[in-house]
Amino acid sequence: IAFFASTAHVVDIGGRGYGPDAREVYEEGIRIPIMKWVERGVLNEDLVNIVKNNVREEDQVVGDIHGLAASNETGRRRLLAMLDEFKMADLRDLAEFIFDRTRTATMAALEHVPKGDYENTMQVDGYNDTITLAVNVTVSDDGMHADFTGTSSLSPFGVNVPLRYAEAYFTYGMLVALAPELPNNYASLLPFTVSAPPGVILNAQDPDPVAVRHVFGHFVTDLCLGAVAQALPEVIPAEGAGALWNFQASARSADPETLLPPIEMLMFNSGGTGARPTLDGLTATAFPSGVRTMSAEATEQVGPIIIWRKEIRENSGGEGKQRGGLGQVIEIGPTDGYLFEFGAMFDRVENPARGRQGGGDGAPGAVYLDDGSPFSPKGKQTVSADRRLILELPGGGGFGDPADRDPDAVANDEVQGYIS
């Protein structure tokens, strides 16, 4: 009748550990062909053992997979209960009705975009070298097509993006801008297509390394929205921080002779979103990703980490009639006896989020140690036992002329400490 699928981030998938340094996908984690976790109620112990022997946190990872399987089982039970309640043999007629209505509504939303070609380029930091992302968005009677010709070549590091991932963030951006009330399903996605020449960073192929594909993949949304902004200038927001600033660390004993256990930690963090045509940007909020971070207190409970500071970053939102969302400042360090092996994967340090319609750029990000030592935004590095890592997350761009901002909004920003 149907398949259920669940996805989630887990704390470790083996390989080199989460980060951009791998040169092939084989280094980035365990690769498992399609296999059954459970078959007819019997757990596949061989698969469980394969996972356990290839990850650093076997209890957490295996437990999370059990949780995903339980989610699917809950969906199965509820679907069967619904079919029984409404005396339905299958979902064919219902699916056809939903898809037909959704496609009609999606195509109606696309009618608001004038037919034509719209181009945009964006500079992002890259791994050692600046990357150019380029797109040509074609709007036709059949839908919208994004072509990424002109984008920089593949990277030797794990920051490459599979084309399907780029397609997802193009499609998502168009739907939230043009038809945010519509459900995501087969029919709403169908009018959106993509293409890219071989060898560009948005068209990675096996075995290209892709572990931190989110860094450049998340920029695809603002890249494509920037193209469509030429047709819909009063609809599309300014650029935002875009890529998440994930904190992925392997806590290891600072003294090899001690018996402190190794621990893996993962923490999601977000900068500010771009200002909207009629509203300020959102502060410390993920977009286009929808993830939320866990609390500082919960993070400190599961790993040898102290979060010394986590606060809104003053003056980080771009100026404008509508102010860009603010980033945040996070100061973190290991607890006594530990150091961090840290895989940095940050962007918008050299290339901040751009404002729109006369709005100012958001503040660029910064990464450094508490003694002022520079820390590379990408690659594996060490935070020693006596040091703290400071992350200044980027802000979103502003929208409109700053001279047109409501004086009361400026006064409130000053009172709240958003600007100085």
Protein backbone atom coordinates (compact mmCIF):
# COMPACT_ATOMS: atom_id res chain seq x y z
CA ILE A 1 0.00 0.00 0.00
CA ALA A 2 2.72 2.48 0.99
CA PHE A 3 6.25 2.94 2.26
CA PHE A 4 7.23 5.00 5.30
CA ALA A 5 10.66 6.63 5.60
CA SER A 6 12.35 8.45 8.47
CA THR A 7 15.60 10.39 8.44
CA ALA A 8 17.61 11.94 11.24
CA HIS A 9 21.08 13.20 12.05
CA VAL A 10 23.12 10.78 14.15
CA VAL A 11 26.16 11.71 16.16
CA ASP A 12 28.62 9.62 14.13
CA ILE A 13 28.67 7.50 10.95
CA GLY A 14 32.26 6.27 11.13
CA GLY A 15 35.02 7.13 8.68
CA ARG A 16 37.12 10.21 9.40
CA GLY A 17 34.32 11.77 11.42
CA TYR A 18 31.97 14.53 10.33
CA GLY A 19 33.93 17.22 8.52
CA PRO A 20 35.11 18.44 5.12
CA ASP A 21 38.58 16.88 4.94
CA ALA A 22 37.92 13.59 3.13
CA ARG A 23 39.08 13.22 -0.47
CA GLU A 24 36.68 10.39 -1.39
CA VAL A 25 33.28 9.32 -0.15
CA TYR A 26 34.80 6.06 1.14
CA GLU A 27 36.56 8.03 3.88
CA GLU A 28 33.42 9.81 5.03
CA GLY A 29 31.59 7.01 6.78
CA ILE A 30 30.17 3.54 6.60
CA ARG A 31 28.37 2.69 3.34
CA ILE A 32 25.56 0.16 3.68
CA PRO A 33 23.57 -1.17 0.72
CA ILE A 34 19.79 -1.39 1.08
CA MET A 35 19.19 -3.97 3.81
CA LYS A 36 16.38 -4.82 6.21
CA TRP A 37 16.88 -3.69 9.80
CA VAL A 38 13.99 -5.91 10.84
CA GLU A 39 12.38 -8.69 8.78
CA ARG A 40 9.02 -10.09 9.85
CA GLY A 41 9.61 -8.87 13.37
CA VAL A 42 13.14 -10.28 13.70
CA LEU A 43 16.03 -7.84 14.19
CA ASN A 44 18.90 -8.24 11.70
CA GLU A 45 21.70 -8.78 14.22
CA ASP A 46 24.34 -8.94 11.48
CA LEU A 47 23.44 -5.43 10.32
CA VAL A 48 23.36 -4.18 13.92
CA ASN A 49 26.87 -5.54 14.47
CA ILE A 50 28.14 -3.97 11.24
CA VAL A 51 26.90 -0.58 12.44
CA LYS A 52 28.25 -1.05 15.97
CA ASN A 53 31.72 -1.90 14.69
CA ASN A 54 31.94 1.10 12.37
CA VAL A 55 30.82 4.02 14.55
CA ARG A 56 32.33 5.71 17.58
CA GLU A 57 29.10 5.97 19.60
CA GLU A 58 27.41 2.62 19.06
CA ASP A 59 24.73 2.97 21.74
CA GLN A 60 23.56 6.37 20.50
CA VAL A 61 23.62 5.44 16.82
CA VAL A 62 21.93 2.05 17.16
CA GLY A 63 19.39 3.58 19.52
CA ASP A 64 18.60 6.30 17.00
CA ILE A 65 18.10 3.73 14.23
CA HIS A 66 15.69 1.84 16.49
CA GLY A 67 13.88 5.14 17.00
CA LEU A 68 13.59 5.68 13.24
CA ALA A 69 12.24 2.16 12.79
CA ALA A 70 9.71 2.77 15.57
CA SER A 71 8.57 5.95 13.81
CA ASN A 72 7.91 3.97 10.64
CA GLU A 73 6.02 1.35 12.60
CA THR A 74 3.84 4.03 14.17
CA GLY A 75 3.07 5.38 10.71
CA ARG A 76 2.17 1.90 9.48
CA ARG A 77 -0.28 1.32 12.33
CA ARG A 78 -1.93 4.70 11.90
CA LEU A 79 -2.28 4.28 8.14
CA LEU A 80 -3.94 0.89 8.53
CA ALA A 81 -6.26 2.34 11.17
CA MET A 82 -7.23 5.17 8.80
CA LEU A 83 -7.90 2.76 5.93
CA ASP A 84 -10.05 0.66 8.23
CA GLU A 85 -11.96 3.68 9.57
CA PHE A 86 -12.84 4.98 6.11
CA LYS A 87 -13.25 1.53 4.56
CA MET A 88 -10.53 2.10 1.95
CA ALA A 89 -8.63 -0.73 0.29
CA ASP A 90 -5.66 1.43 -0.72
CA LEU A 91 -4.54 5.03 -1.32
CA ARG A 92 -4.80 5.22 -5.11
CA ASP A 93 -7.95 7.33 -5.41
CA LEU A 94 -7.00 9.59 -2.50
CA ALA A 95 -3.47 10.10 -3.83
CA GLU A 96 -4.78 10.92 -7.31
CA PHE A 97 -7.14 13.52 -5.83
CA ILE A 98 -4.42 15.11 -3.66
CA PHE A 99 -1.86 15.16 -6.47
CA ASP A 100 -4.33 16.66 -8.94
CA ARG A 101 -5.35 19.45 -6.57
CA THR A 102 -1.76 20.12 -5.53
CA ARG A 103 -0.42 20.33 -9.08
CA THR A 104 -3.21 22.71 -10.09
CA ALA A 105 -2.48 24.96 -7.10
CA THR A 106 1.29 24.85 -7.71
CA MET A 107 0.96 25.83 -11.36
CA ALA A 108 -1.44 28.62 -10.39
CA ALA A 109 1.18 29.98 -7.96
CA LEU A 110 3.81 29.93 -10.71
CA GLU A 111 1.59 32.11 -12.86
CA HIS A 112 2.60 35.04 -10.63
CA VAL A 113 6.17 34.84 -11.98
CA PRO A 114 6.55 36.38 -15.45
CA LYS A 115 7.89 33.96 -18.05
CA GLY A 116 11.54 34.41 -18.88
CA ASP A 117 15.14 33.76 -17.82
CA TYR A 118 16.60 35.12 -14.58
CA GLU A 119 20.28 34.89 -13.63
CA ASN A 120 22.20 35.27 -10.40
CA THR A 121 25.66 34.57 -9.03
CA MET A 122 26.94 34.33 -5.47
CA GLN A 123 30.44 34.23 -3.99
CA VAL A 124 31.00 31.97 -0.99
CA ASP A 125 34.15 31.25 0.96
CA GLY A 126 34.93 27.71 -0.19
CA TYR A 127 37.65 25.54 1.30
CA ASN A 128 40.81 27.65 0.80
CA ASP A 129 39.49 29.17 -2.45
CA THR A 130 36.44 31.35 -3.13
CA ILE A 131 33.60 29.51 -4.85
CA THR A 132 31.21 30.99 -7.42
CA LEU A 133 27.67 29.65 -7.49
CA ALA A 134 25.72 30.55 -10.63
CA VAL A 135 22.17 29.88 -11.78
CA ASN A 136 19.85 30.62 -14.68
CA VAL A 137 16.21 30.14 -13.68
CA THR A 138 13.83 29.66 -16.60
CA VAL A 139 10.11 30.18 -16.01
CA SER A 140 7.87 28.59 -18.63
CA ASP A 141 4.38 27.18 -19.03
CA ASP A 142 5.73 23.84 -17.80
CA GLY A 143 7.25 25.11 -14.56
CA MET A 144 10.64 26.38 -13.38
CA HIS A 145 14.06 25.07 -14.32
CA ALA A 146 17.38 25.96 -12.66
CA ASP A 147 20.60 25.47 -14.59
CA PHE A 148 23.85 25.81 -12.64
CA THR A 149 26.21 26.35 -15.57
CA GLY A 150 28.95 28.79 -14.55
CA THR A 151 29.34 27.34 -11.06
CA SER A 152 32.89 26.61 -9.86
CA SER A 153 34.48 23.22 -10.38
CA LEU A 154 34.38 20.36 -7.92
CA SER A 155 36.45 20.69 -4.77
CA PRO A 156 38.98 18.04 -3.72
CA PHE A 157 37.40 18.28 -0.24
CA GLY A 158 34.08 17.05 1.12
CA VAL A 159 32.10 20.21 0.39
CA ASN A 160 30.68 19.04 -2.94
CA VAL A 161 26.93 18.83 -3.48
CA PRO A 162 25.00 16.09 -5.31
CA LEU A 163 22.64 17.53 -7.90
CA ARG A 164 19.60 16.03 -6.16
CA TYR A 165 20.53 17.98 -3.02
CA ALA A 166 20.79 21.20 -5.03
CA GLU A 167 17.43 20.39 -6.61
CA ALA A 168 15.85 20.00 -3.19
CA TYR A 169 16.99 23.42 -2.00
CA PHE A 170 16.00 25.10 -5.27
CA THR A 171 12.54 23.56 -5.10
CA TYR A 172 12.10 24.36 -1.43
CA GLY A 173 13.05 28.00 -1.94
CA MET A 174 10.60 28.45 -4.78
CA LEU A 175 7.74 26.81 -2.88
CA VAL A 176 8.19 28.81 0.33
CA ALA A 177 8.36 32.05 -1.68
CA LEU A 178 5.51 31.36 -4.09
CA ALA A 179 3.20 28.83 -2.43
CA PRO A 180 4.04 28.44 1.27
CA GLU A 181 0.58 27.11 2.11
CA LEU A 182 0.85 24.07 -0.19
CA PRO A 183 1.84 20.61 1.08
CA ASN A 184 5.06 19.02 -0.10
CA ASN A 185 4.30 15.98 -2.21
CA TYR A 186 5.07 14.45 -5.57
CA ALA A 187 2.83 16.86 -7.45
CA SER A 188 4.12 20.06 -5.84
CA LEU A 189 7.71 19.08 -6.62
CA LEU A 190 7.09 17.98 -10.20
CA PRO A 191 7.17 21.43 -11.91
CA PHE A 192 10.71 22.14 -10.62
CA THR A 193 13.72 20.70 -12.44
CA VAL A 194 17.47 21.31 -12.44
CA SER A 195 20.54 20.68 -14.56
CA ALA A 196 24.28 21.23 -14.23
CA PRO A 197 27.29 20.38 -16.36
CA PRO A 198 29.59 17.59 -15.21
CA GLY A 199 32.41 18.57 -12.91
CA VAL A 200 30.84 21.51 -11.07
CA ILE A 201 30.54 21.68 -7.30
CA LEU A 202 26.73 21.37 -7.44
CA ASN A 203 26.85 18.14 -9.46
CA ALA A 204 28.96 15.74 -7.40
CA GLN A 205 29.12 12.11 -8.50
CA ASP A 206 30.15 8.97 -6.65
CA PRO A 207 32.89 8.77 -5.28
CA ASP A 208 33.30 12.56 -4.87
CA PRO A 209 33.46 13.56 -1.18
CA VAL A 210 30.19 15.18 -0.02
CA ALA A 211 30.06 14.91 3.79
CA VAL A 212 29.36 18.60 4.43
CA ARG A 213 27.28 19.19 1.30
CA HIS A 214 24.95 21.32 3.41
CA VAL A 215 27.45 24.21 3.50
CA PHE A 216 27.13 25.09 -0.18
CA GLY A 217 23.85 23.24 -0.71
CA HIS A 218 22.05 25.59 1.67
CA PHE A 219 23.23 28.58 -0.38
CA VAL A 220 21.33 27.26 -3.41
CA THR A 221 18.08 28.61 -1.95
CA ASP A 222 19.30 32.21 -1.68
CA LEU A 223 21.09 31.86 -5.02
CA CYS A 224 17.86 30.94 -6.81
CA LEU A 225 15.69 33.35 -4.84
CA GLY A 226 18.10 36.10 -5.86
CA ALA A 227 17.46 35.27 -9.51
CA VAL A 228 13.67 35.32 -9.10
CA ALA A 229 13.90 38.59 -7.13
CA GLN A 230 14.34 40.35 -10.47
CA ALA A 231 10.75 39.39 -11.28
CA LEU A 232 9.31 39.61 -7.75
CA PRO A 233 11.29 42.35 -5.96
CA GLU A 234 8.66 42.86 -3.25
CA VAL A 235 8.38 39.16 -2.42
CA ILE A 236 11.91 37.80 -2.11
CA PRO A 237 13.89 38.44 1.12
CA ALA A 238 17.53 39.46 1.37
CA GLU A 239 20.24 36.84 1.68
CA GLY A 240 20.75 35.21 5.06
CA ALA A 241 23.53 33.36 6.85
CA GLY A 242 22.46 30.29 4.87
CA ALA A 243 24.66 27.40 5.92
CA LEU A 244 24.38 26.05 9.44
CA TRP A 245 27.35 26.54 11.76
CA ASN A 246 27.42 23.00 13.12
CA PHE A 247 29.72 22.25 16.03
CA GLN A 248 31.00 18.68 15.60
CA ALA A 249 33.73 17.68 18.03
CA SER A 250 35.49 14.56 19.19
CA ALA A 251 36.33 15.01 22.87
CA ARG A 252 39.56 13.21 23.69
CA SER A 253 41.67 12.95 26.81
CA ALA A 254 44.25 15.73 26.97
CA ASP A 255 46.60 13.30 28.73
CA PRO A 256 47.04 10.01 26.81
CA GLU A 257 47.79 8.19 30.06
CA THR A 258 44.39 8.90 31.58
CA LEU A 259 41.36 6.70 30.99
CA LEU A 260 38.84 9.42 30.14
CA PRO A 261 36.37 7.97 27.61
CA PRO A 262 36.22 9.46 24.08
CA ILE A 263 32.91 11.20 23.35
CA GLU A 264 31.35 12.57 20.15
CA MET A 265 29.27 15.76 20.24
CA LEU A 266 27.09 17.50 17.67
CA MET A 267 25.47 20.90 18.11
CA PHE A 268 23.49 22.85 15.49
CA ASN A 269 23.80 26.64 15.38
CA SER A 270 22.34 29.28 13.08
CA GLY A 271 23.06 32.86 12.09
CA GLY A 272 20.44 35.40 11.04
CA THR A 273 18.04 35.18 8.12
CA GLY A 274 17.69 37.90 5.52
CA ALA A 275 15.26 40.74 6.11
CA ARG A 276 11.87 40.29 4.46
CA PRO A 277 10.12 42.93 2.36
CA THR A 278 7.80 43.89 5.23
CA LEU A 279 9.48 42.33 8.29
CA ASP A 280 12.90 42.13 9.89
CA GLY A 281 14.94 38.98 9.45
CA LEU A 282 14.80 36.24 12.06
CA THR A 283 17.58 36.14 14.63
CA ALA A 284 19.69 32.99 15.13
CA THR A 285 17.25 30.98 12.99
CA ALA A 286 18.05 28.33 10.41
CA PHE A 287 16.98 28.95 6.81
CA PRO A 288 16.71 27.16 4.46
CA SER A 289 17.41 24.34 6.89
CA GLY A 290 14.63 23.87 9.40
CA VAL A 291 16.66 22.36 12.23
CA ARG A 292 16.63 23.65 15.76
CA THR A 293 19.48 23.33 18.19
CA MET A 294 19.32 21.63 21.54
CA SER A 295 19.60 23.67 24.73
CA ALA A 296 23.00 24.58 26.13
CA GLU A 297 22.16 22.73 29.34
CA ALA A 298 21.26 19.52 27.50
CA THR A 299 24.44 19.70 25.42
CA GLU A 300 26.56 20.05 28.54
CA GLN A 301 24.87 17.00 30.05
CA VAL A 302 25.84 14.64 27.23
CA GLY A 303 29.45 15.65 26.68
CA PRO A 304 32.55 17.14 28.32
CA ILE A 305 31.77 20.64 27.10
CA ILE A 306 31.13 23.99 28.77
CA ILE A 307 29.17 26.62 26.87
CA TRP A 308 30.54 29.75 28.47
CA ARG A 309 28.53 32.17 26.38
CA LYS A 310 25.62 32.02 23.92
CA GLU A 311 24.15 35.41 23.11
CA ILE A 312 22.76 37.54 20.31
CA ARG A 313 25.51 39.22 18.30
CA GLU A 314 25.09 42.99 18.42
CA ASN A 315 25.18 44.94 15.13
CA SER A 316 25.30 41.78 13.00
CA GLY A 317 22.04 42.29 11.07
CA GLY A 318 22.30 44.28 7.85
CA GLU A 319 20.81 47.78 7.95
CA GLY A 320 17.66 48.50 5.98
CA LYS A 321 14.05 49.55 6.13
CA GLN A 322 13.77 46.03 7.47
CA ARG A 323 16.81 44.90 9.47
CA GLY A 324 18.54 41.62 8.79
CA GLY A 325 18.32 38.89 11.40
CA LEU A 326 21.13 38.88 13.94
CA GLY A 327 23.72 36.18 14.38
CA GLN A 328 24.92 34.93 17.74
CA VAL A 329 28.15 34.60 19.68
CA ILE A 330 29.01 31.20 21.13
CA GLU A 331 32.00 30.54 23.39
CA ILE A 332 32.72 26.89 24.12
CA GLY A 333 35.50 24.85 25.64
CA PRO A 334 36.27 21.36 26.95
CA THR A 335 35.87 20.38 30.58
CA ASP A 336 38.89 19.51 32.70
CA GLY A 337 41.02 16.75 31.26
CA TYR A 338 39.68 16.94 27.70
CA LEU A 339 40.57 18.59 24.41
CA PHE A 340 38.51 18.85 21.22
CA GLU A 341 39.38 17.44 17.81
CA PHE A 342 37.15 19.77 15.89
CA GLY A 343 35.96 19.58 12.26
CA ALA A 344 35.22 23.19 11.27
CA MET A 345 32.66 23.69 8.49
CA PHE A 346 31.76 27.39 8.52
CA ASP A 347 31.13 29.89 5.73
CA ARG A 348 30.25 33.56 5.17
CA VAL A 349 33.45 34.59 6.92
CA GLU A 350 34.82 36.29 3.80
CA ASN A 351 31.56 36.73 1.87
CA PRO A 352 28.69 38.07 4.00
CA ALA A 353 24.99 37.87 3.21
CA ARG A 354 24.03 40.59 0.76
CA GLY A 355 21.23 43.06 1.34
CA ARG A 356 18.45 43.68 -1.16
CA GLN A 357 16.73 46.78 -2.52
CA GLY A 358 19.31 49.09 -0.94
CA GLY A 359 19.69 47.17 2.32
CA GLY A 360 23.11 46.65 3.87
CA ASP A 361 25.06 43.42 4.05
CA GLY A 362 24.94 41.29 7.17
CA ALA A 363 28.05 41.03 9.32
CA PRO A 364 30.48 38.30 8.24
CA GLY A 365 31.22 35.44 10.60
CA ALA A 366 34.42 34.96 12.59
CA VAL A 367 36.15 31.99 14.22
CA TYR A 368 39.02 32.30 16.70
CA LEU A 369 40.35 31.12 20.04
CA ASP A 370 39.93 33.07 23.26
CA ASP A 371 43.58 34.16 23.20
CA GLY A 372 43.01 35.77 19.79
CA SER A 373 44.63 32.99 17.77
CA PRO A 374 43.00 32.56 14.35
CA PHE A 375 41.04 29.38 13.68
CA SER A 376 40.38 28.21 10.14
CA PRO A 377 36.68 28.16 9.16
CA LYS A 378 37.12 24.73 7.56
CA GLY A 379 39.09 21.61 8.35
CA LYS A 380 40.08 19.51 11.33
CA GLN A 381 41.86 21.37 14.13
CA THR A 382 42.44 21.06 17.86
CA VAL A 383 41.03 23.11 20.70
CA SER A 384 43.46 22.42 23.53
CA ALA A 385 42.44 21.81 27.12
CA ASP A 386 43.23 25.36 28.22
CA ARG A 387 41.53 27.20 25.36
CA ARG A 388 38.02 28.19 24.33
CA LEU A 389 36.62 28.45 20.82
CA ILE A 390 34.65 31.58 19.93
CA LEU A 391 32.15 31.55 17.06
CA GLU A 392 30.65 34.80 15.80
CA LEU A 393 27.84 33.70 13.51
CA PRO A 394 26.97 35.86 10.49
CA GLY A 395 23.91 38.09 10.25
CA GLY A 396 21.34 38.39 7.49
CA GLY A 397 21.22 41.16 4.90
CA GLY A 398 18.90 44.13 5.23
CA PHE A 399 16.00 45.02 2.92
CA GLY A 400 15.29 48.52 1.64
CA ASP A 401 16.86 51.91 2.31
CA PRO A 402 18.00 52.22 5.96
CA ALA A 403 16.82 55.85 5.91
CA ASP A 404 13.24 54.57 5.60
CA ARG A 405 13.33 52.50 8.79
CA ASP A 406 10.68 53.34 11.37
CA PRO A 407 12.34 55.44 14.13
CA ASP A 408 10.43 53.44 16.74
CA ALA A 409 11.97 50.24 15.36
CA VAL A 410 15.45 51.80 15.61
CA ALA A 411 14.78 52.85 19.20
CA ASN A 412 13.57 49.36 20.07
CA ASP A 413 16.69 47.82 18.51
CA GLU A 414 18.82 50.02 20.76
CA VAL A 415 16.82 49.12 23.87
CA GLN A 416 17.04 45.40 23.08
CA GLY A 417 20.79 45.60 22.47
CA TYR A 418 20.48 44.61 18.82
CA ILE A 419 22.41 47.71 17.73
CA SER A 420 24.74 50.05 19.57
